Amino acid sequence: MKNPRGQVLPLFAIFLIGLFAMAALAVDVSATYSSRQAYRTAADAAALAGAQDLKTPGSRAVNPSDRIAARTDALLSLKKAFGATATGAGACNPAAQIDSCELAGTPFLVSVVTPSPTCVTCDPNHSVQVTVSNPRFELNFARVLGFGQFRLAVTSVAGLAFGRSFALQTLRPPKKNGAIFLVNNIEIDGGSVVNVQRGDVGSNANMRYSGGGSVLNIDPGYGMFYFDPLSGPAWPGAPMPPAQVVQKIPELMPDPDYVYPAMRGSLGSAACATGPANCAPTFSEARTSTCGAVGANPACTRADLDLATCKVEADFLKASVYAAPFMTAQAYNRIFCYKPGVYDTANPKQLAVGTGDVAILLPGAYYFKSGLDVSGRIVGGYRPSSPGVALVFDACSSQCIFSGNNAATIALNAGTKFPPGAAGTGATAAVDWNGQLVQTSGPASPTPQLPMTLMVHKDPTCFVPTSPPFQEPAGCDPGPVNETINMAGGGSLALEGVQYAPTDNIAINGGSLGTGQVGQLIAWTLTYTGGTRINQEGPPSDEPGILRLDAACTVPGTACNP
């Protein structure tokens, strides 16, 4: 029998070798991890340095020069991080994508790509992807085991993130219709073209095109956000141009719940039925045929018979941007000036602006309880940087509607931004009867706050649900739908500020040649039809965006495209 004590020494030697091997591997693993973290820090910093260049002031568009600047700054950041003074082999010119660019005097190859080929939550168009690799990373002790070197690489993605800034919002959730759901609350029909400028589009359901040439265009950098738990986009392909975001939102957008103008308060000039506060005057007669000299009709006067006020306003318009389009040739006896207040006018005494007539709305808050019909022209808020007008309607289907489908011109709070699409300065917010500005309010308000121009009171049976099932309330619109706002589009329409009709089914139909201009629009549903041409403007803010690192290529399990 062999002496077991003779086996101790070789066993100890084997154990000692294994122990040293594990210690050596631990040292190499630690060095690899430390180097990888250093590479990650450099790649993160470079991606952030490049991404901050991906914005043009006043726009979210990214120009070729912005991309060159992004690649230049990212490469400069990498050179500083690794102590390189020059570049060597590889594609190193920032005028194109940087690919496997050698940092002279270092073992590193770097790549800088924008738009980013990989994103988890970022917008590729506003993002930069940076890769740092060491193709011959040296190991120390592991080389005795045959592992001398290997490729060590990291990739980081960073971008500019922008908050949603809606030019259009439709709040009706999917509507149950028997065994199916109606999910389209934006309809673009009959070859209509809607250009959304400087803003996003949000739908609590989906959007549909019908008829050849119907399309919604969105400025680059903005997006189409929709809630439809049943399907993907219902429109044919992404809105144009292709550089915007299309994203399904996980929950319904709430009503921003803006405040309506007060019709009673410190500036009221009439007694109220109840309470101590003064009220806006109530007018029971608004026909243009009753407008004359001061005192003939408390609601209105005629320009040729009211030289002190109405003719002065008419002359201002005749010398303004409104002159050439229609005011120069307009006869004074066909120009009518209306005062703010409550228009509680029974049929046929409502305000109806006939063909060939011009109605001027003087600054202030109006409540048209019996609707408003425009076949001629109506203007208000035409003095730039001065208080404009605010028009309020009730939710209804026929008796209280704003009917402007045959209007020659509807220009409200446009200031000098007329004809539609012209540069200029709009009016400021109207002042209500309690001395308050009629403008957006609350946490959902854009910054800066925007004037509110057209408003429709809410139908209490229609609301955005906050708990399941996320569908249109059963009591909403059981009969004829609320369709209070019904206007012509095209070159006849110029509406600045916000149009707030959270439970109304707004229709914009046809219109004259040219393209109309409408500010932010919030509705229950929205239909463009009859080949209308409309520019929808978002809030005029220049949000700089927030620099963020994306999870792509960093968080385990996320995609990473080279």
Foldseek 3Di string as FASTA:
>chain_A
DDDCVVVVVVVVVVVVVVVVLVVQVVVQVVVLVVVLVLQVVLQQVLFLQLLLLQDDFLANHGDLVSQLNSLVSSVVSNCVSFVADDWDDAQNRSSAWGFQIHRPPDQKGKTKDALAPFFDPDQSNSKIKMKIKRQFAAGDSCVVVVCGGGMDMFMWMKGFFDDAFALEEAFAAWADDPPDTDFAQEEFEALAEEEEEPHEYEYNGAHEYYHPNGAYAYGAAYYYEYEHPPDAHHYDDGGPPPRYDYYYDPAGDFALPFDDFAQWADQADDPDPDDDTHGHDEAAAAELVQADAPPSGVFKHFLVRDVPPQVVVLVVCCPALNNVVPSVPQDRRQEMEGEAHEYPYDPPRAAARDASHEYEYEFEEHEQAQAYHAQEEYEWQQAFQAEIYAYEYEFDQPRHAHHAANYQAYAGQCHRCPQPPRDDGGYAFGQYSRRDGQWGDDPPADPPIWHHHAEYDDDVQFGQDPDPPRHTRPPQCPDRHGERAEHEFARRAEADTEHYAQAHEYEYEHHDHHGHEHERYHYNGYYYHHHHHYYRYTDSDRDSGDMDIGCASPDPPHHDDD
